[in-house]
Amino acid sequence: MTSPIKIGFSGTSDGMTLNQKYFLRKILVKSQGEFHHGDCVGSDAQAHDIAEECLLEIVIHPPLYSKYRAFKKTSRILDPKEYLARNWDIAMACDELIATPKGLKEELRSGTWATVRYFKKLVKPVTLIFPDGTIEFHSKL
């Protein structure tokens, strides 16, 4: 087992593919520590359930607007914030990010990709799990 870390998560509101769920579970089952997510429908909700199965402590950074909120339950739910502010908070609070984007290429108007960019700006490791199961790792420089 690895030492406890804080893992941030971001993914599409469309939900993860079977490949993305499989590889996320494979990564999280070997992890210990905290799992932070933004509590949106789709990938966040699915990742929450996988993190629970893997017995990680879950920290929720909910969005201010509840239209796309999943309302997952855990002992640590932070105050709601605007989407981008909440994504920045996840980047600041965590040691690394796991992201499950919708497509195979970076998009400018995407919360998932904005969070990936925040982590890279902070020179923190990012693991991208693409819909086809391809995994791309960006390490500290």
C-alpha atoms as a PDB file:
ATOM      1  CA  MET A   1       0.000   0.000   0.000  1.00  0.00           C
ATOM      2  CA  THR A   2       1.043   3.559  -0.607  1.00  0.00           C
ATOM      3  CA  SER A   3       1.189   6.289   2.039  1.00  0.00           C
ATOM      4  CA  PRO A   4      -1.990   8.368   2.548  1.00  0.00           C
ATOM      5  CA  ILE A   5      -2.495  11.092  -0.027  1.00  0.00           C
ATOM      6  CA  LYS A   6      -5.226  13.464  -1.091  1.00  0.00           C
ATOM      7  CA  ILE A   7      -6.575  12.519  -4.503  1.00  0.00           C
ATOM      8  CA  GLY A   8      -8.655  14.993  -6.466  1.00  0.00           C
ATOM      9  CA  PHE A   9     -11.121  13.817  -9.090  1.00  0.00           C
ATOM     10  CA  SER A  10     -12.813  15.467 -12.056  1.00  0.00           C
ATOM     11  CA  GLY A  11     -14.883  13.959 -14.831  1.00  0.00           C
ATOM     12  CA  THR A  12     -17.657  14.531 -17.320  1.00  0.00           C
ATOM     13  CA  SER A  13     -21.263  14.950 -16.229  1.00  0.00           C
ATOM     14  CA  ASP A  14     -22.139  12.386 -18.917  1.00  0.00           C
ATOM     15  CA  GLY A  15     -20.612   9.702 -16.698  1.00  0.00           C
ATOM     16  CA  MET A  16     -17.670   7.384 -17.172  1.00  0.00           C
ATOM     17  CA  THR A  17     -17.288   4.607 -19.688  1.00  0.00           C
ATOM     18  CA  LEU A  18     -16.823   1.033 -18.450  1.00  0.00           C
ATOM     19  CA  ASN A  19     -13.102   1.384 -19.226  1.00  0.00           C
ATOM     20  CA  GLN A  20     -12.817   4.545 -17.138  1.00  0.00           C
ATOM     21  CA  LYS A  21     -14.638   2.966 -14.187  1.00  0.00           C
ATOM     22  CA  TYR A  22     -12.487  -0.163 -14.404  1.00  0.00           C
ATOM     23  CA  PHE A  23      -9.178   1.715 -14.359  1.00  0.00           C
ATOM     24  CA  LEU A  24     -10.323   4.204 -11.715  1.00  0.00           C
ATOM     25  CA  ARG A  25     -11.241   1.298  -9.433  1.00  0.00           C
ATOM     26  CA  LYS A  26      -7.882  -0.344 -10.168  1.00  0.00           C
ATOM     27  CA  ILE A  27      -6.049   2.827  -9.100  1.00  0.00           C
ATOM     28  CA  LEU A  28      -8.186   3.597  -6.037  1.00  0.00           C
ATOM     29  CA  VAL A  29      -8.130   0.090  -4.585  1.00  0.00           C
ATOM     30  CA  LYS A  30      -4.355   0.521  -4.100  1.00  0.00           C
ATOM     31  CA  SER A  31      -4.740   3.991  -2.551  1.00  0.00           C
ATOM     32  CA  GLN A  32      -5.282   5.209   0.962  1.00  0.00           C
ATOM     33  CA  GLY A  33      -6.152   8.681   2.156  1.00  0.00           C
ATOM     34  CA  GLU A  34      -8.713  11.209   1.005  1.00  0.00           C
ATOM     35  CA  PHE A  35     -10.728  11.363  -2.203  1.00  0.00           C
ATOM     36  CA  HIS A  36     -12.007  14.841  -3.172  1.00  0.00           C
ATOM     37  CA  HIS A  37     -14.686  15.456  -5.813  1.00  0.00           C
ATOM     38  CA  GLY A  38     -17.127  18.137  -6.933  1.00  0.00           C
ATOM     39  CA  ASP A  39     -20.421  16.268  -6.317  1.00  0.00           C
ATOM     40  CA  CYS A  40     -21.871  16.576  -9.799  1.00  0.00           C
ATOM     41  CA  VAL A  41     -24.034  14.011 -11.556  1.00  0.00           C
ATOM     42  CA  GLY A  42     -22.224  11.595 -13.819  1.00  0.00           C
ATOM     43  CA  SER A  43     -18.553  10.885 -13.212  1.00  0.00           C
ATOM     44  CA  ASP A  44     -18.305  12.525  -9.769  1.00  0.00           C
ATOM     45  CA  ALA A  45     -21.201  10.434  -8.459  1.00  0.00           C
ATOM     46  CA  GLN A  46     -19.796   7.242  -9.988  1.00  0.00           C
ATOM     47  CA  ALA A  47     -16.308   7.977  -8.644  1.00  0.00           C
ATOM     48  CA  HIS A  48     -17.785   8.640  -5.186  1.00  0.00           C
ATOM     49  CA  ASP A  49     -19.296   5.149  -5.153  1.00  0.00           C
ATOM     50  CA  ILE A  50     -16.023   3.562  -6.293  1.00  0.00           C
ATOM     51  CA  ALA A  51     -14.057   5.507  -3.648  1.00  0.00           C
ATOM     52  CA  GLU A  52     -16.530   4.280  -1.002  1.00  0.00           C
ATOM     53  CA  GLU A  53     -16.020   0.677  -2.159  1.00  0.00           C
ATOM     54  CA  CYS A  54     -12.252   1.243  -1.842  1.00  0.00           C
ATOM     55  CA  LEU A  55     -12.733   2.572   1.713  1.00  0.00           C
ATOM     56  CA  LEU A  56     -11.280   6.017   1.045  1.00  0.00           C
ATOM     57  CA  GLU A  57     -12.244   9.010   3.156  1.00  0.00           C
ATOM     58  CA  ILE A  58     -14.372  11.214   0.888  1.00  0.00           C
ATOM     59  CA  VAL A  59     -14.398  15.016   0.866  1.00  0.00           C
ATOM     60  CA  ILE A  60     -17.076  16.756  -1.199  1.00  0.00           C
ATOM     61  CA  HIS A  61     -16.594  20.213  -2.766  1.00  0.00           C
ATOM     62  CA  PRO A  62     -20.181  20.898  -3.922  1.00  0.00           C
ATOM     63  CA  PRO A  63     -21.196  23.390  -6.592  1.00  0.00           C
ATOM     64  CA  LEU A  64     -23.130  26.500  -5.638  1.00  0.00           C
ATOM     65  CA  TYR A  65     -25.876  25.687  -8.117  1.00  0.00           C
ATOM     66  CA  SER A  66     -27.715  22.441  -7.466  1.00  0.00           C
ATOM     67  CA  LYS A  67     -29.008  21.768 -11.003  1.00  0.00           C
ATOM     68  CA  TYR A  68     -26.262  19.207 -11.721  1.00  0.00           C
ATOM     69  CA  ARG A  69     -25.424  18.299  -8.121  1.00  0.00           C
ATOM     70  CA  ALA A  70     -25.454  14.598  -7.171  1.00  0.00           C
ATOM     71  CA  PHE A  71     -26.058  15.199  -3.428  1.00  0.00           C
ATOM     72  CA  LYS A  72     -23.774  12.344  -2.360  1.00  0.00           C
ATOM     73  CA  LYS A  73     -23.383  11.768   1.383  1.00  0.00           C
ATOM     74  CA  THR A  74     -20.196  11.738   3.440  1.00  0.00           C
ATOM     75  CA  SER A  75     -18.957  13.133   6.738  1.00  0.00           C
ATOM     76  CA  ARG A  76     -17.047  15.999   5.070  1.00  0.00           C
ATOM     77  CA  ILE A  77     -19.072  18.257   2.810  1.00  0.00           C
ATOM     78  CA  LEU A  78     -17.547  21.702   2.313  1.00  0.00           C
ATOM     79  CA  ASP A  79     -19.429  24.929   1.612  1.00  0.00           C
ATOM     80  CA  PRO A  80     -20.801  25.196  -1.946  1.00  0.00           C
ATOM     81  CA  LYS A  81     -18.891  27.413  -4.378  1.00  0.00           C
ATOM     82  CA  GLU A  82     -19.003  28.490  -8.019  1.00  0.00           C
ATOM     83  CA  TYR A  83     -17.840  25.681 -10.331  1.00  0.00           C
ATOM     84  CA  LEU A  84     -14.414  27.116 -11.204  1.00  0.00           C
ATOM     85  CA  ALA A  85     -13.698  28.234  -7.623  1.00  0.00           C
ATOM     86  CA  ARG A  86     -14.631  24.776  -6.371  1.00  0.00           C
ATOM     87  CA  ASN A  87     -12.344  23.145  -8.968  1.00  0.00           C
ATOM     88  CA  TRP A  88      -9.500  25.431  -7.896  1.00  0.00           C
ATOM     89  CA  ASP A  89     -10.122  24.447  -4.248  1.00  0.00           C
ATOM     90  CA  ILE A  90      -9.824  20.771  -5.195  1.00  0.00           C
ATOM     91  CA  ALA A  91      -6.527  21.527  -6.945  1.00  0.00           C
ATOM     92  CA  MET A  92      -5.200  23.431  -3.926  1.00  0.00           C
ATOM     93  CA  ALA A  93      -6.293  20.767  -1.411  1.00  0.00           C
ATOM     94  CA  CYS A  94      -5.025  17.666  -3.205  1.00  0.00           C
ATOM     95  CA  ASP A  95      -1.673  16.065  -3.974  1.00  0.00           C
ATOM     96  CA  GLU A  96      -2.704  14.631  -7.351  1.00  0.00           C
ATOM     97  CA  LEU A  97      -5.626  14.469  -9.778  1.00  0.00           C
ATOM     98  CA  ILE A  98      -7.391  11.654 -11.557  1.00  0.00           C
ATOM     99  CA  ALA A  99      -9.524  12.917 -14.443  1.00  0.00           C
ATOM    100  CA  THR A 100     -11.923  11.059 -16.722  1.00  0.00           C
ATOM    101  CA  PRO A 101     -12.616  13.411 -19.643  1.00  0.00           C
ATOM    102  CA  LYS A 102     -15.426  12.973 -22.137  1.00  0.00           C
ATOM    103  CA  GLY A 103     -13.189  12.910 -25.206  1.00  0.00           C
ATOM    104  CA  LEU A 104      -9.661  12.161 -26.295  1.00  0.00           C
ATOM    105  CA  LYS A 105      -8.542  15.789 -26.732  1.00  0.00           C
ATOM    106  CA  GLU A 106      -8.350  18.778 -24.405  1.00  0.00           C
ATOM    107  CA  GLU A 107     -11.308  21.166 -24.562  1.00  0.00           C
ATOM    108  CA  LEU A 108     -11.277  24.826 -23.572  1.00  0.00           C
ATOM    109  CA  ARG A 109     -14.819  25.038 -22.222  1.00  0.00           C
ATOM    110  CA  SER A 110     -14.735  22.030 -19.927  1.00  0.00           C
ATOM    111  CA  GLY A 111     -14.649  21.920 -16.120  1.00  0.00           C
ATOM    112  CA  THR A 112     -12.672  18.682 -16.215  1.00  0.00           C
ATOM    113  CA  TRP A 113      -9.996  20.149 -18.466  1.00  0.00           C
ATOM    114  CA  ALA A 114      -9.929  23.399 -16.450  1.00  0.00           C
ATOM    115  CA  THR A 115      -9.191  21.325 -13.337  1.00  0.00           C
ATOM    116  CA  VAL A 116      -6.450  19.438 -15.196  1.00  0.00           C
ATOM    117  CA  ARG A 117      -4.916  22.795 -16.154  1.00  0.00           C
ATOM    118  CA  TYR A 118      -5.078  23.998 -12.511  1.00  0.00           C
ATOM    119  CA  PHE A 119      -3.170  20.916 -11.330  1.00  0.00           C
ATOM    120  CA  LYS A 120      -0.559  21.318 -14.054  1.00  0.00           C
ATOM    121  CA  LYS A 121      -0.139  24.992 -13.121  1.00  0.00           C
ATOM    122  CA  LEU A 122       0.514  23.891  -9.537  1.00  0.00           C
ATOM    123  CA  VAL A 123       2.971  21.256 -10.854  1.00  0.00           C
ATOM    124  CA  LYS A 124       0.996  18.385  -9.334  1.00  0.00           C
ATOM    125  CA  PRO A 125       0.657  14.926 -10.927  1.00  0.00           C
ATOM    126  CA  VAL A 126      -2.323  14.269 -13.197  1.00  0.00           C
ATOM    127  CA  THR A 127      -3.609  10.894 -14.361  1.00  0.00           C
ATOM    128  CA  LEU A 128      -5.992  11.043 -17.327  1.00  0.00           C
ATOM    129  CA  ILE A 129      -8.187   8.018 -17.985  1.00  0.00           C
ATOM    130  CA  PHE A 130      -9.670   8.422 -21.451  1.00  0.00           C
ATOM    131  CA  PRO A 131     -12.979   6.846 -22.575  1.00  0.00           C
ATOM    132  CA  ASP A 132     -11.187   4.047 -24.473  1.00  0.00           C
ATOM    133  CA  GLY A 133      -9.173   3.099 -21.358  1.00  0.00           C
ATOM    134  CA  THR A 134      -5.953   4.780 -22.448  1.00  0.00           C
ATOM    135  CA  ILE A 135      -4.129   6.212 -19.435  1.00  0.00           C
ATOM    136  CA  GLU A 136      -1.868   9.238 -19.669  1.00  0.00           C
ATOM    137  CA  PHE A 137       0.215  10.340 -16.684  1.00  0.00           C
ATOM    138  CA  HIS A 138       1.649  13.830 -16.224  1.00  0.00           C
ATOM    139  CA  SER A 139       4.217  13.916 -13.432  1.00  0.00           C
ATOM    140  CA  LYS A 140       5.772  16.791 -11.531  1.00  0.00           C
ATOM    141  CA  LEU A 141       8.324  18.629 -13.653  1.00  0.00           C
END
